[in-house]
Amino acid sequence: MQLGTTEPVSIIVPMYNEERNVKLCIESLLELDYPKKEIIVVDDGSSDRTAEIVSEFPVRLIKLEKKVGPAAARNVGIKAAKGKIIAFTDADCIVDKHWLRNLVANYTDSHVGGVGGPFPNFDQKYASKYMDYISLEYLSDGKLVKSKVSFLSTGNASFRREVLEKVSNFDTSFRTTEDVDLCIRIRNAGYYLIFEPNDLVWHKYNLSKYLLSNFEYGIGIFRLHLKHKGAIDETGRKDLFIIIITLSVLFVLALTTALSIYVYLIMGFALVISLQALNYIYYSIRVARFYGDVSYLLTGPIFALTRWLMLRLGYIYGLVQYMLSRVMGNRRIEQGEWNITN
């Protein structure tokens, strides 16, 4: 069933201690050129002035007594929502005026489970543009074209309400990558997801925040692999290929030389880093071509390799936490409460 561009839409924004960002976010939502919309802000137990600032605007505010995490906060919003389409963004985002109209226009048949778009950085500085391309690469293979994709980011996404209910909404055991988990379940239920390049949401973040979020994202990726057996992203496939090459080289060296185990470990680590660097040199060529800026050929590999290290450190952290939970019987860790920030 195709939905009209005046279909009622509920916008859900979870927030936690976002007093610095909330004003611009809500102002942009109120300026949307879409008539039938409701804005629901779920304050996730903030200790700052977030709720106070939100209360100054004509939006619905739901205050939670304690922090439950973004997945659970979104589920609270879904339960309170009235729209047939549920749209999501974050407090540190600013939406384009035509955001909802572009989203809803893509629900062309009943098999479209969700629609989303890119979320470029608000300031568009040098490092920000590199981060933007990484996000675009992950969402739509680095192409600003309408296409079917594997997942959408809840910074800029919408879903049919009936589809969310069918897959039981967000899994609250996830503190990160809950949107990826949701999209996997939606696709497994027989629906597909649409990436709409004109559906813009501007995201506010800096380099340090971005790298820390990748560490936490790595924890979430481990959770995804644990829940969805066999599920692996493109980065994971490349990592697996590099690990196979490294182990093969070390096996041959072990047969032909008699070195210390520590030497083999150092050589293995150096080989993994070198192969990843070669991979990201190729990747940076794509970034330089996309922006028409050759300087990314020099800075790109360093930036991408740092991001990869943060992701993999997060993955290892998640793995260690899980192993400890199995040994110590800590069910809270097994259930996904692994976020390192409060």
C-alpha atoms as a PDB file:
ATOM      1  CA  MET A   1       0.000   0.000   0.000  1.00  0.00           C
ATOM      2  CA  GLN A   2       1.359   3.383  -1.007  1.00  0.00           C
ATOM      3  CA  LEU A   3       1.112   6.080   1.619  1.00  0.00           C
ATOM      4  CA  GLY A   4       0.183   9.652   0.805  1.00  0.00           C
ATOM      5  CA  THR A   5       2.498  12.546   1.579  1.00  0.00           C
ATOM      6  CA  THR A   6       0.053  13.745   4.242  1.00  0.00           C
ATOM      7  CA  GLU A   7       0.072  10.485   6.199  1.00  0.00           C
ATOM      8  CA  PRO A   8       0.258  11.129   9.980  1.00  0.00           C
ATOM      9  CA  VAL A   9       3.862  10.851  11.170  1.00  0.00           C
ATOM     10  CA  SER A  10       5.168  10.650  14.717  1.00  0.00           C
ATOM     11  CA  ILE A  11       8.703  11.932  15.325  1.00  0.00           C
ATOM     12  CA  ILE A  12      10.507  10.433  18.302  1.00  0.00           C
ATOM     13  CA  VAL A  13      13.638  12.029  19.772  1.00  0.00           C
ATOM     14  CA  PRO A  14      15.323  10.348  22.750  1.00  0.00           C
ATOM     15  CA  MET A  15      17.465  12.707  24.811  1.00  0.00           C
ATOM     16  CA  TYR A  16      19.911  12.441  27.673  1.00  0.00           C
ATOM     17  CA  ASN A  17      21.650  15.565  29.013  1.00  0.00           C
ATOM     18  CA  GLU A  18      21.303  17.435  25.735  1.00  0.00           C
ATOM     19  CA  GLU A  19      20.731  20.975  27.001  1.00  0.00           C
ATOM     20  CA  ARG A  20      23.321  22.296  24.550  1.00  0.00           C
ATOM     21  CA  ASN A  21      21.683  20.791  21.474  1.00  0.00           C
ATOM     22  CA  VAL A  22      17.971  20.389  22.145  1.00  0.00           C
ATOM     23  CA  LYS A  23      16.860  23.913  21.184  1.00  0.00           C
ATOM     24  CA  LEU A  24      18.175  23.810  17.614  1.00  0.00           C
ATOM     25  CA  CYS A  25      16.896  20.276  17.135  1.00  0.00           C
ATOM     26  CA  ILE A  26      13.311  21.046  18.154  1.00  0.00           C
ATOM     27  CA  GLU A  27      13.272  24.344  16.242  1.00  0.00           C
ATOM     28  CA  SER A  28      14.181  22.483  13.057  1.00  0.00           C
ATOM     29  CA  LEU A  29      11.435  19.905  13.698  1.00  0.00           C
ATOM     30  CA  LEU A  30       8.832  22.615  14.194  1.00  0.00           C
ATOM     31  CA  GLU A  31       9.826  24.195  10.865  1.00  0.00           C
ATOM     32  CA  LEU A  32       9.143  21.016   8.872  1.00  0.00           C
ATOM     33  CA  ASP A  33       6.848  21.567   5.857  1.00  0.00           C
ATOM     34  CA  TYR A  34       4.690  18.591   6.787  1.00  0.00           C
ATOM     35  CA  PRO A  35       1.193  19.217   8.178  1.00  0.00           C
ATOM     36  CA  LYS A  36       0.293  16.020  10.036  1.00  0.00           C
ATOM     37  CA  LYS A  37       3.091  15.452  12.494  1.00  0.00           C
ATOM     38  CA  GLU A  38       3.542  15.002  16.219  1.00  0.00           C
ATOM     39  CA  ILE A  39       6.863  15.499  17.982  1.00  0.00           C
ATOM     40  CA  ILE A  40       7.569  13.283  20.974  1.00  0.00           C
ATOM     41  CA  VAL A  41      10.641  13.945  23.083  1.00  0.00           C
ATOM     42  CA  VAL A  42      11.602  11.192  25.523  1.00  0.00           C
ATOM     43  CA  ASP A  43      13.860  12.570  28.251  1.00  0.00           C
ATOM     44  CA  ASP A  44      15.939   9.585  29.350  1.00  0.00           C
ATOM     45  CA  GLY A  45      16.437  10.612  32.981  1.00  0.00           C
ATOM     46  CA  SER A  46      18.522  13.723  32.239  1.00  0.00           C
ATOM     47  CA  SER A  47      20.242  15.489  35.137  1.00  0.00           C
ATOM     48  CA  ASP A  48      20.644  18.829  33.307  1.00  0.00           C
ATOM     49  CA  ARG A  49      18.108  21.342  31.908  1.00  0.00           C
ATOM     50  CA  THR A  50      17.043  19.219  28.925  1.00  0.00           C
ATOM     51  CA  ALA A  51      13.453  18.659  30.096  1.00  0.00           C
ATOM     52  CA  GLU A  52      13.083  22.287  31.173  1.00  0.00           C
ATOM     53  CA  ILE A  53      14.115  23.543  27.727  1.00  0.00           C
ATOM     54  CA  VAL A  54      11.890  21.034  25.904  1.00  0.00           C
ATOM     55  CA  SER A  55       8.874  22.121  27.991  1.00  0.00           C
ATOM     56  CA  GLU A  56       9.132  25.589  26.421  1.00  0.00           C
ATOM     57  CA  PHE A  57       8.144  24.185  23.007  1.00  0.00           C
ATOM     58  CA  PRO A  58       4.784  22.878  21.695  1.00  0.00           C
ATOM     59  CA  VAL A  59       5.898  19.254  21.688  1.00  0.00           C
ATOM     60  CA  ARG A  60       4.990  16.219  23.776  1.00  0.00           C
ATOM     61  CA  LEU A  61       7.511  15.558  26.555  1.00  0.00           C
ATOM     62  CA  ILE A  62       7.788  12.173  28.256  1.00  0.00           C
ATOM     63  CA  LYS A  63      10.104  12.229  31.285  1.00  0.00           C
ATOM     64  CA  LEU A  64      11.633   8.988  32.506  1.00  0.00           C
ATOM     65  CA  GLU A  65      12.726   8.769  36.133  1.00  0.00           C
ATOM     66  CA  LYS A  66      16.008   7.037  35.344  1.00  0.00           C
ATOM     67  CA  LYS A  67      18.199   6.401  32.337  1.00  0.00           C
ATOM     68  CA  VAL A  68      17.088   3.326  30.387  1.00  0.00           C
ATOM     69  CA  GLY A  69      19.119   3.770  27.200  1.00  0.00           C
ATOM     70  CA  PRO A  70      18.183   4.956  23.688  1.00  0.00           C
ATOM     71  CA  ALA A  71      16.524   1.700  22.586  1.00  0.00           C
ATOM     72  CA  ALA A  72      14.164   1.581  25.569  1.00  0.00           C
ATOM     73  CA  ALA A  73      13.507   5.337  25.329  1.00  0.00           C
ATOM     74  CA  ARG A  74      12.499   4.972  21.678  1.00  0.00           C
ATOM     75  CA  ASN A  75      10.176   2.106  22.578  1.00  0.00           C
ATOM     76  CA  VAL A  76       8.466   4.374  25.117  1.00  0.00           C
ATOM     77  CA  GLY A  77       7.988   6.922  22.347  1.00  0.00           C
ATOM     78  CA  ILE A  78       6.620   4.304  19.949  1.00  0.00           C
ATOM     79  CA  LYS A  79       4.045   3.223  22.510  1.00  0.00           C
ATOM     80  CA  ALA A  80       2.849   6.813  22.897  1.00  0.00           C
ATOM     81  CA  ALA A  81       2.905   7.621  19.154  1.00  0.00           C
ATOM     82  CA  LYS A  82      -0.224   7.889  17.007  1.00  0.00           C
ATOM     83  CA  GLY A  83       1.243   8.019  13.492  1.00  0.00           C
ATOM     84  CA  LYS A  84       1.303   5.216  10.925  1.00  0.00           C
ATOM     85  CA  ILE A  85       4.900   6.187  10.191  1.00  0.00           C
ATOM     86  CA  ILE A  86       7.372   6.543  13.061  1.00  0.00           C
ATOM     87  CA  ALA A  87      10.379   8.771  12.328  1.00  0.00           C
ATOM     88  CA  PHE A  88      13.506   9.005  14.452  1.00  0.00           C
ATOM     89  CA  THR A  89      16.272  11.523  14.888  1.00  0.00           C
ATOM     90  CA  ASP A  90      18.635  12.476  17.708  1.00  0.00           C
ATOM     91  CA  ALA A  91      18.994  15.546  19.911  1.00  0.00           C
ATOM     92  CA  ASP A  92      22.302  16.549  18.314  1.00  0.00           C
ATOM     93  CA  CYS A  93      20.703  16.627  14.860  1.00  0.00           C
ATOM     94  CA  ILE A  94      19.061  19.338  12.765  1.00  0.00           C
ATOM     95  CA  VAL A  95      16.573  18.152  10.150  1.00  0.00           C
ATOM     96  CA  ASP A  96      16.056  19.580   6.680  1.00  0.00           C
ATOM     97  CA  LYS A  97      12.758  21.408   6.115  1.00  0.00           C
ATOM     98  CA  HIS A  98      11.590  18.735   3.651  1.00  0.00           C
ATOM     99  CA  TRP A  99      12.738  15.785   5.772  1.00  0.00           C
ATOM    100  CA  LEU A 100       9.369  14.136   6.442  1.00  0.00           C
ATOM    101  CA  ARG A 101       7.997  14.806   2.980  1.00  0.00           C
ATOM    102  CA  ASN A 102      10.992  13.075   1.387  1.00  0.00           C
ATOM    103  CA  LEU A 103      10.697  10.155   3.802  1.00  0.00           C
ATOM    104  CA  VAL A 104       7.007   9.457   3.352  1.00  0.00           C
ATOM    105  CA  ALA A 105       7.148   9.774  -0.454  1.00  0.00           C
ATOM    106  CA  ASN A 106       9.251   6.596  -0.565  1.00  0.00           C
ATOM    107  CA  TYR A 107       6.647   4.326   1.018  1.00  0.00           C
ATOM    108  CA  THR A 108       5.513   3.219  -2.426  1.00  0.00           C
ATOM    109  CA  ASP A 109       4.354  -0.298  -1.534  1.00  0.00           C
ATOM    110  CA  SER A 110       3.648  -2.470   1.478  1.00  0.00           C
ATOM    111  CA  HIS A 111       7.068  -4.165   1.324  1.00  0.00           C
ATOM    112  CA  VAL A 112       8.897  -0.927   2.159  1.00  0.00           C
ATOM    113  CA  GLY A 113       9.569  -1.356   5.869  1.00  0.00           C
ATOM    114  CA  GLY A 114      11.680   1.742   6.434  1.00  0.00           C
ATOM    115  CA  VAL A 115      13.170   4.821   4.766  1.00  0.00           C
ATOM    116  CA  GLY A 116      16.150   6.910   5.833  1.00  0.00           C
ATOM    117  CA  GLY A 117      18.919   9.080   4.505  1.00  0.00           C
ATOM    118  CA  PRO A 118      22.375  10.547   5.092  1.00  0.00           C
ATOM    119  CA  PHE A 119      23.383  12.543   8.160  1.00  0.00           C
ATOM    120  CA  PRO A 120      26.332  14.779   7.228  1.00  0.00           C
ATOM    121  CA  ASN A 121      28.185  16.706   9.908  1.00  0.00           C
ATOM    122  CA  PHE A 122      26.826  20.159  10.596  1.00  0.00           C
ATOM    123  CA  ASP A 123      30.117  22.055  10.380  1.00  0.00           C
ATOM    124  CA  GLN A 124      31.501  20.422   7.173  1.00  0.00           C
ATOM    125  CA  LYS A 125      35.110  20.878   8.250  1.00  0.00           C
ATOM    126  CA  TYR A 126      37.953  18.796   6.833  1.00  0.00           C
ATOM    127  CA  ALA A 127      37.780  15.855   9.280  1.00  0.00           C
ATOM    128  CA  SER A 128      33.987  16.070   9.367  1.00  0.00           C
ATOM    129  CA  LYS A 129      33.765  15.465   5.637  1.00  0.00           C
ATOM    130  CA  TYR A 130      35.858  12.316   6.010  1.00  0.00           C
ATOM    131  CA  MET A 131      33.509  11.098   8.764  1.00  0.00           C
ATOM    132  CA  ASP A 132      30.568  11.863   6.497  1.00  0.00           C
ATOM    133  CA  TYR A 133      31.979   9.716   3.719  1.00  0.00           C
ATOM    134  CA  ILE A 134      32.562   6.806   6.101  1.00  0.00           C
ATOM    135  CA  SER A 135      28.904   6.977   7.145  1.00  0.00           C
ATOM    136  CA  LEU A 136      27.807   7.207   3.528  1.00  0.00           C
ATOM    137  CA  GLU A 137      30.024   4.260   2.609  1.00  0.00           C
ATOM    138  CA  TYR A 138      28.523   2.179   5.386  1.00  0.00           C
ATOM    139  CA  LEU A 139      24.937   3.123   4.522  1.00  0.00           C
ATOM    140  CA  SER A 140      24.934   3.103   0.731  1.00  0.00           C
ATOM    141  CA  ASP A 141      28.338   1.984  -0.560  1.00  0.00           C
ATOM    142  CA  GLY A 142      29.530   5.594  -0.806  1.00  0.00           C
ATOM    143  CA  LYS A 143      26.893   6.633  -3.348  1.00  0.00           C
ATOM    144  CA  LEU A 144      24.355   9.442  -3.067  1.00  0.00           C
ATOM    145  CA  VAL A 145      21.684   7.558  -4.998  1.00  0.00           C
ATOM    146  CA  LYS A 146      18.328   6.107  -3.995  1.00  0.00           C
ATOM    147  CA  SER A 147      18.788   2.423  -3.291  1.00  0.00           C
ATOM    148  CA  LYS A 148      17.820  -0.562  -1.178  1.00  0.00           C
ATOM    149  CA  VAL A 149      20.173  -0.841   1.811  1.00  0.00           C
ATOM    150  CA  SER A 150      20.911  -3.228   4.658  1.00  0.00           C
ATOM    151  CA  PHE A 151      20.276  -0.824   7.500  1.00  0.00           C
ATOM    152  CA  LEU A 152      19.347   2.727   8.467  1.00  0.00           C
ATOM    153  CA  SER A 153      20.687   4.916  11.254  1.00  0.00           C
ATOM    154  CA  THR A 154      18.141   6.183  13.774  1.00  0.00           C
ATOM    155  CA  GLY A 155      19.687   9.624  13.457  1.00  0.00           C
ATOM    156  CA  ASN A 156      17.756   9.763  10.181  1.00  0.00           C
ATOM    157  CA  ALA A 157      15.238   6.964   9.776  1.00  0.00           C
ATOM    158  CA  SER A 158      11.557   6.097   9.668  1.00  0.00           C
ATOM    159  CA  PHE A 159       9.596   2.855   9.793  1.00  0.00           C
ATOM    160  CA  ARG A 160       6.037   1.711   9.369  1.00  0.00           C
ATOM    161  CA  ARG A 161       4.418   1.406  12.751  1.00  0.00           C
ATOM    162  CA  GLU A 162       2.953  -2.001  11.865  1.00  0.00           C
ATOM    163  CA  VAL A 163       6.422  -3.259  10.905  1.00  0.00           C
ATOM    164  CA  LEU A 164       7.936  -2.091  14.198  1.00  0.00           C
ATOM    165  CA  GLU A 165       5.172  -3.855  16.087  1.00  0.00           C
ATOM    166  CA  LYS A 166       5.648  -7.014  14.026  1.00  0.00           C
ATOM    167  CA  VAL A 167       9.334  -7.257  15.010  1.00  0.00           C
ATOM    168  CA  SER A 168       8.694  -6.145  18.629  1.00  0.00           C
ATOM    169  CA  ASN A 169      10.360  -2.721  18.296  1.00  0.00           C
ATOM    170  CA  PHE A 170      13.924  -2.092  19.509  1.00  0.00           C
ATOM    171  CA  ASP A 171      15.829  -4.706  21.490  1.00  0.00           C
ATOM    172  CA  THR A 172      16.498  -2.934  24.798  1.00  0.00           C
ATOM    173  CA  SER A 173      19.494  -5.154  25.594  1.00  0.00           C
ATOM    174  CA  PHE A 174      21.474  -3.113  23.047  1.00  0.00           C
ATOM    175  CA  ARG A 175      23.070   0.167  24.122  1.00  0.00           C
ATOM    176  CA  THR A 176      24.601   0.734  20.670  1.00  0.00           C
ATOM    177  CA  THR A 177      23.865  -0.741  17.194  1.00  0.00           C
ATOM    178  CA  GLU A 178      20.233  -1.168  18.243  1.00  0.00           C
ATOM    179  CA  ASP A 179      19.248   0.338  14.886  1.00  0.00           C
ATOM    180  CA  VAL A 180      21.291  -2.261  12.975  1.00  0.00           C
ATOM    181  CA  ASP A 181      19.697  -5.062  14.988  1.00  0.00           C
ATOM    182  CA  LEU A 182      16.235  -3.652  14.266  1.00  0.00           C
ATOM    183  CA  CYS A 183      16.939  -3.435  10.537  1.00  0.00           C
ATOM    184  CA  ILE A 184      18.231  -7.014  10.410  1.00  0.00           C
ATOM    185  CA  ARG A 185      14.975  -8.221  11.967  1.00  0.00           C
ATOM    186  CA  ILE A 186      12.883  -6.067   9.621  1.00  0.00           C
ATOM    187  CA  ARG A 187      14.653  -7.499   6.565  1.00  0.00           C
ATOM    188  CA  ASN A 188      14.312 -11.023   7.942  1.00  0.00           C
ATOM    189  CA  ALA A 189      10.563 -10.372   8.226  1.00  0.00           C
ATOM    190  CA  GLY A 190      10.380  -9.823   4.451  1.00  0.00           C
ATOM    191  CA  TYR A 191      10.598  -6.035   4.144  1.00  0.00           C
ATOM    192  CA  TYR A 192      13.222  -3.862   2.507  1.00  0.00           C
ATOM    193  CA  LEU A 193      14.779  -0.528   3.452  1.00  0.00           C
ATOM    194  CA  ILE A 194      15.200   2.527   1.225  1.00  0.00           C
ATOM    195  CA  PHE A 195      18.056   5.039   1.314  1.00  0.00           C
ATOM    196  CA  GLU A 196      16.851   8.449   0.106  1.00  0.00           C
ATOM    197  CA  PRO A 197      19.828  10.781  -0.584  1.00  0.00           C
ATOM    198  CA  ASN A 198      17.668  13.924  -0.541  1.00  0.00           C
ATOM    199  CA  ASP A 199      16.420  13.134   2.956  1.00  0.00           C
ATOM    200  CA  LEU A 200      18.928  15.219   4.899  1.00  0.00           C
ATOM    201  CA  VAL A 201      19.593  15.415   8.623  1.00  0.00           C
ATOM    202  CA  TRP A 202      22.597  17.384   9.852  1.00  0.00           C
ATOM    203  CA  HIS A 203      24.528  15.813  12.708  1.00  0.00           C
ATOM    204  CA  LYS A 204      26.683  17.689  15.255  1.00  0.00           C
ATOM    205  CA  TYR A 205      29.759  15.796  16.433  1.00  0.00           C
ATOM    206  CA  ASN A 206      33.515  16.249  16.680  1.00  0.00           C
ATOM    207  CA  LEU A 207      36.466  13.965  16.079  1.00  0.00           C
ATOM    208  CA  SER A 208      36.979  12.832  19.696  1.00  0.00           C
ATOM    209  CA  LYS A 209      33.276  12.100  20.161  1.00  0.00           C
ATOM    210  CA  TYR A 210      33.262  10.225  16.869  1.00  0.00           C
ATOM    211  CA  LEU A 211      36.200   7.999  17.803  1.00  0.00           C
ATOM    212  CA  LEU A 212      34.721   7.210  21.232  1.00  0.00           C
ATOM    213  CA  SER A 213      31.409   6.344  19.589  1.00  0.00           C
ATOM    214  CA  ASN A 214      33.279   3.898  17.339  1.00  0.00           C
ATOM    215  CA  PHE A 215      34.681   2.151  20.417  1.00  0.00           C
ATOM    216  CA  GLU A 216      31.143   1.779  21.759  1.00  0.00           C
ATOM    217  CA  TYR A 217      29.951   0.771  18.302  1.00  0.00           C
ATOM    218  CA  GLY A 218      32.538  -2.014  18.326  1.00  0.00           C
ATOM    219  CA  ILE A 219      30.946  -3.355  21.513  1.00  0.00           C
ATOM    220  CA  GLY A 220      27.601  -3.296  19.751  1.00  0.00           C
ATOM    221  CA  ILE A 221      28.995  -5.132  16.728  1.00  0.00           C
ATOM    222  CA  PHE A 222      30.065  -7.972  19.001  1.00  0.00           C
ATOM    223  CA  ARG A 223      26.528  -8.076  20.399  1.00  0.00           C
ATOM    224  CA  LEU A 224      25.162  -8.241  16.854  1.00  0.00           C
ATOM    225  CA  HIS A 225      27.426 -11.155  15.954  1.00  0.00           C
ATOM    226  CA  LEU A 226      26.396 -12.883  19.170  1.00  0.00           C
ATOM    227  CA  LYS A 227      22.676 -12.460  18.489  1.00  0.00           C
ATOM    228  CA  HIS A 228      22.604 -12.892  14.732  1.00  0.00           C
ATOM    229  CA  LYS A 229      24.824 -15.898  14.151  1.00  0.00           C
ATOM    230  CA  GLY A 230      26.664 -15.556  10.864  1.00  0.00           C
ATOM    231  CA  ALA A 231      25.828 -11.866  10.458  1.00  0.00           C
ATOM    232  CA  ILE A 232      28.943  -9.933   9.482  1.00  0.00           C
ATOM    233  CA  ASP A 233      29.382  -6.523   7.888  1.00  0.00           C
ATOM    234  CA  GLU A 234      31.718  -5.532   5.063  1.00  0.00           C
ATOM    235  CA  THR A 235      34.379  -4.363   7.525  1.00  0.00           C
ATOM    236  CA  GLY A 236      34.186  -7.719   9.241  1.00  0.00           C
ATOM    237  CA  ARG A 237      34.639  -9.578   5.957  1.00  0.00           C
ATOM    238  CA  LYS A 238      37.747  -7.554   5.157  1.00  0.00           C
ATOM    239  CA  ASP A 239      39.094  -8.151   8.661  1.00  0.00           C
ATOM    240  CA  LEU A 240      38.493 -11.888   8.278  1.00  0.00           C
ATOM    241  CA  PHE A 241      40.339 -11.908   4.953  1.00  0.00           C
ATOM    242  CA  ILE A 242      43.301 -10.050   6.474  1.00  0.00           C
ATOM    243  CA  ILE A 243      43.387 -12.404   9.474  1.00  0.00           C
ATOM    244  CA  ILE A 244      43.417 -15.442   7.160  1.00  0.00           C
ATOM    245  CA  ILE A 245      46.350 -13.981   5.212  1.00  0.00           C
ATOM    246  CA  THR A 246      48.217 -13.151   8.428  1.00  0.00           C
ATOM    247  CA  LEU A 247      47.708 -16.609   9.931  1.00  0.00           C
ATOM    248  CA  SER A 248      48.822 -18.222   6.671  1.00  0.00           C
ATOM    249  CA  VAL A 249      52.033 -16.173   6.625  1.00  0.00           C
ATOM    250  CA  LEU A 250      52.733 -16.938  10.286  1.00  0.00           C
ATOM    251  CA  PHE A 251      52.101 -20.647   9.687  1.00  0.00           C
ATOM    252  CA  VAL A 252      54.663 -20.721   6.876  1.00  0.00           C
ATOM    253  CA  LEU A 253      57.165 -18.792   9.024  1.00  0.00           C
ATOM    254  CA  ALA A 254      56.631 -21.179  11.931  1.00  0.00           C
ATOM    255  CA  LEU A 255      57.433 -24.132   9.661  1.00  0.00           C
ATOM    256  CA  THR A 256      60.582 -22.558   8.255  1.00  0.00           C
ATOM    257  CA  THR A 257      61.984 -20.617  11.225  1.00  0.00           C
ATOM    258  CA  ALA A 258      62.473 -21.040  14.961  1.00  0.00           C
ATOM    259  CA  LEU A 259      61.639 -17.681  16.488  1.00  0.00           C
ATOM    260  CA  SER A 260      60.188 -16.649  19.832  1.00  0.00           C
ATOM    261  CA  ILE A 261      56.397 -16.644  20.159  1.00  0.00           C
ATOM    262  CA  TYR A 262      56.618 -12.943  20.969  1.00  0.00           C
ATOM    263  CA  VAL A 263      58.380 -12.290  17.664  1.00  0.00           C
ATOM    264  CA  TYR A 264      55.598 -14.087  15.795  1.00  0.00           C
ATOM    265  CA  LEU A 265      52.992 -12.020  17.659  1.00  0.00           C
ATOM    266  CA  ILE A 266      54.750  -8.758  16.836  1.00  0.00           C
ATOM    267  CA  MET A 267      55.139  -9.790  13.200  1.00  0.00           C
ATOM    268  CA  GLY A 268      51.470 -10.767  13.032  1.00  0.00           C
ATOM    269  CA  PHE A 269      50.322  -7.463  14.504  1.00  0.00           C
ATOM    270  CA  ALA A 270      52.582  -5.499  12.151  1.00  0.00           C
ATOM    271  CA  LEU A 271      51.262  -7.440   9.169  1.00  0.00           C
ATOM    272  CA  VAL A 272      47.637  -6.828  10.132  1.00  0.00           C
ATOM    273  CA  ILE A 273      48.261  -3.088  10.513  1.00  0.00           C
ATOM    274  CA  SER A 274      50.161  -2.967   7.206  1.00  0.00           C
ATOM    275  CA  LEU A 275      47.415  -4.764   5.300  1.00  0.00           C
ATOM    276  CA  GLN A 276      44.781  -2.531   6.843  1.00  0.00           C
ATOM    277  CA  ALA A 277      46.840   0.529   5.889  1.00  0.00           C
ATOM    278  CA  LEU A 278      46.955  -0.676   2.267  1.00  0.00           C
ATOM    279  CA  ASN A 279      43.214  -1.201   2.358  1.00  0.00           C
ATOM    280  CA  TYR A 280      42.643   2.322   3.658  1.00  0.00           C
ATOM    281  CA  ILE A 281      44.988   3.853   1.096  1.00  0.00           C
ATOM    282  CA  TYR A 282      42.615   2.493  -1.549  1.00  0.00           C
ATOM    283  CA  TYR A 283      39.692   3.712   0.529  1.00  0.00           C
ATOM    284  CA  SER A 284      41.203   7.203   0.775  1.00  0.00           C
ATOM    285  CA  ILE A 285      41.566   7.324  -3.000  1.00  0.00           C
ATOM    286  CA  ARG A 286      37.789   6.949  -3.163  1.00  0.00           C
ATOM    287  CA  VAL A 287      37.330   9.737  -0.596  1.00  0.00           C
ATOM    288  CA  ALA A 288      39.702  12.053  -2.483  1.00  0.00           C
ATOM    289  CA  ARG A 289      37.838  11.354  -5.721  1.00  0.00           C
ATOM    290  CA  PHE A 290      34.468  11.941  -4.053  1.00  0.00           C
ATOM    291  CA  TYR A 291      35.446  15.371  -2.690  1.00  0.00           C
ATOM    292  CA  GLY A 292      37.972  16.295  -5.384  1.00  0.00           C
ATOM    293  CA  ASP A 293      40.626  16.875  -2.698  1.00  0.00           C
ATOM    294  CA  VAL A 294      43.937  14.985  -3.042  1.00  0.00           C
ATOM    295  CA  SER A 295      45.000  15.869   0.517  1.00  0.00           C
ATOM    296  CA  TYR A 296      42.759  13.040   1.743  1.00  0.00           C
ATOM    297  CA  LEU A 297      45.284  10.658   0.189  1.00  0.00           C
ATOM    298  CA  LEU A 298      47.720  11.617   2.955  1.00  0.00           C
ATOM    299  CA  THR A 299      45.437  12.053   5.973  1.00  0.00           C
ATOM    300  CA  GLY A 300      42.800   9.480   5.095  1.00  0.00           C
ATOM    301  CA  PRO A 301      44.697   6.264   5.899  1.00  0.00           C
ATOM    302  CA  ILE A 302      45.743   7.580   9.340  1.00  0.00           C
ATOM    303  CA  PHE A 303      42.208   8.635  10.211  1.00  0.00           C
ATOM    304  CA  ALA A 304      40.610   5.431   8.912  1.00  0.00           C
ATOM    305  CA  LEU A 305      43.165   3.203  10.651  1.00  0.00           C
ATOM    306  CA  THR A 306      42.541   5.002  13.965  1.00  0.00           C
ATOM    307  CA  ARG A 307      38.806   4.480  13.536  1.00  0.00           C
ATOM    308  CA  TRP A 308      39.357   0.786  12.737  1.00  0.00           C
ATOM    309  CA  LEU A 309      41.475   0.365  15.877  1.00  0.00           C
ATOM    310  CA  MET A 310      38.747   1.941  18.028  1.00  0.00           C
ATOM    311  CA  LEU A 311      36.127  -0.353  16.494  1.00  0.00           C
ATOM    312  CA  ARG A 312      38.209  -3.461  17.072  1.00  0.00           C
ATOM    313  CA  LEU A 313      39.180  -2.439  20.601  1.00  0.00           C
ATOM    314  CA  GLY A 314      35.492  -2.028  21.342  1.00  0.00           C
ATOM    315  CA  TYR A 315      34.797  -5.452  19.841  1.00  0.00           C
ATOM    316  CA  ILE A 316      37.519  -7.021  21.999  1.00  0.00           C
ATOM    317  CA  TYR A 317      36.131  -5.209  25.059  1.00  0.00           C
ATOM    318  CA  GLY A 318      32.707  -6.673  24.335  1.00  0.00           C
ATOM    319  CA  LEU A 319      34.181 -10.132  23.870  1.00  0.00           C
ATOM    320  CA  VAL A 320      36.098  -9.945  27.154  1.00  0.00           C
ATOM    321  CA  GLN A 321      33.026  -8.701  29.013  1.00  0.00           C
ATOM    322  CA  TYR A 322      30.985 -11.553  27.592  1.00  0.00           C
ATOM    323  CA  MET A 323      33.613 -14.139  28.557  1.00  0.00           C
ATOM    324  CA  LEU A 324      33.738 -12.699  32.077  1.00  0.00           C
ATOM    325  CA  SER A 325      29.969 -12.885  32.273  1.00  0.00           C
ATOM    326  CA  ARG A 326      30.071 -16.570  31.382  1.00  0.00           C
ATOM    327  CA  VAL A 327      32.689 -17.241  34.038  1.00  0.00           C
ATOM    328  CA  MET A 328      31.208 -15.033  36.760  1.00  0.00           C
ATOM    329  CA  GLY A 329      27.557 -15.540  35.920  1.00  0.00           C
ATOM    330  CA  ASN A 330      26.912 -11.813  35.526  1.00  0.00           C
ATOM    331  CA  ARG A 331      23.599 -11.806  33.683  1.00  0.00           C
ATOM    332  CA  ARG A 332      23.554  -7.991  33.377  1.00  0.00           C
ATOM    333  CA  ILE A 333      26.635  -8.133  31.176  1.00  0.00           C
ATOM    334  CA  GLU A 334      25.181 -10.981  29.114  1.00  0.00           C
ATOM    335  CA  GLN A 335      22.054  -8.933  28.539  1.00  0.00           C
ATOM    336  CA  GLY A 336      24.049  -6.176  26.937  1.00  0.00           C
ATOM    337  CA  GLU A 337      24.657  -3.547  29.605  1.00  0.00           C
ATOM    338  CA  TRP A 338      28.180  -2.925  28.385  1.00  0.00           C
ATOM    339  CA  ASN A 339      28.177   0.748  27.622  1.00  0.00           C
ATOM    340  CA  ILE A 340      31.285   2.390  29.072  1.00  0.00           C
ATOM    341  CA  THR A 341      29.651   5.808  29.513  1.00  0.00           C
ATOM    342  CA  ASN A 342      26.979   6.820  32.002  1.00  0.00           C
END
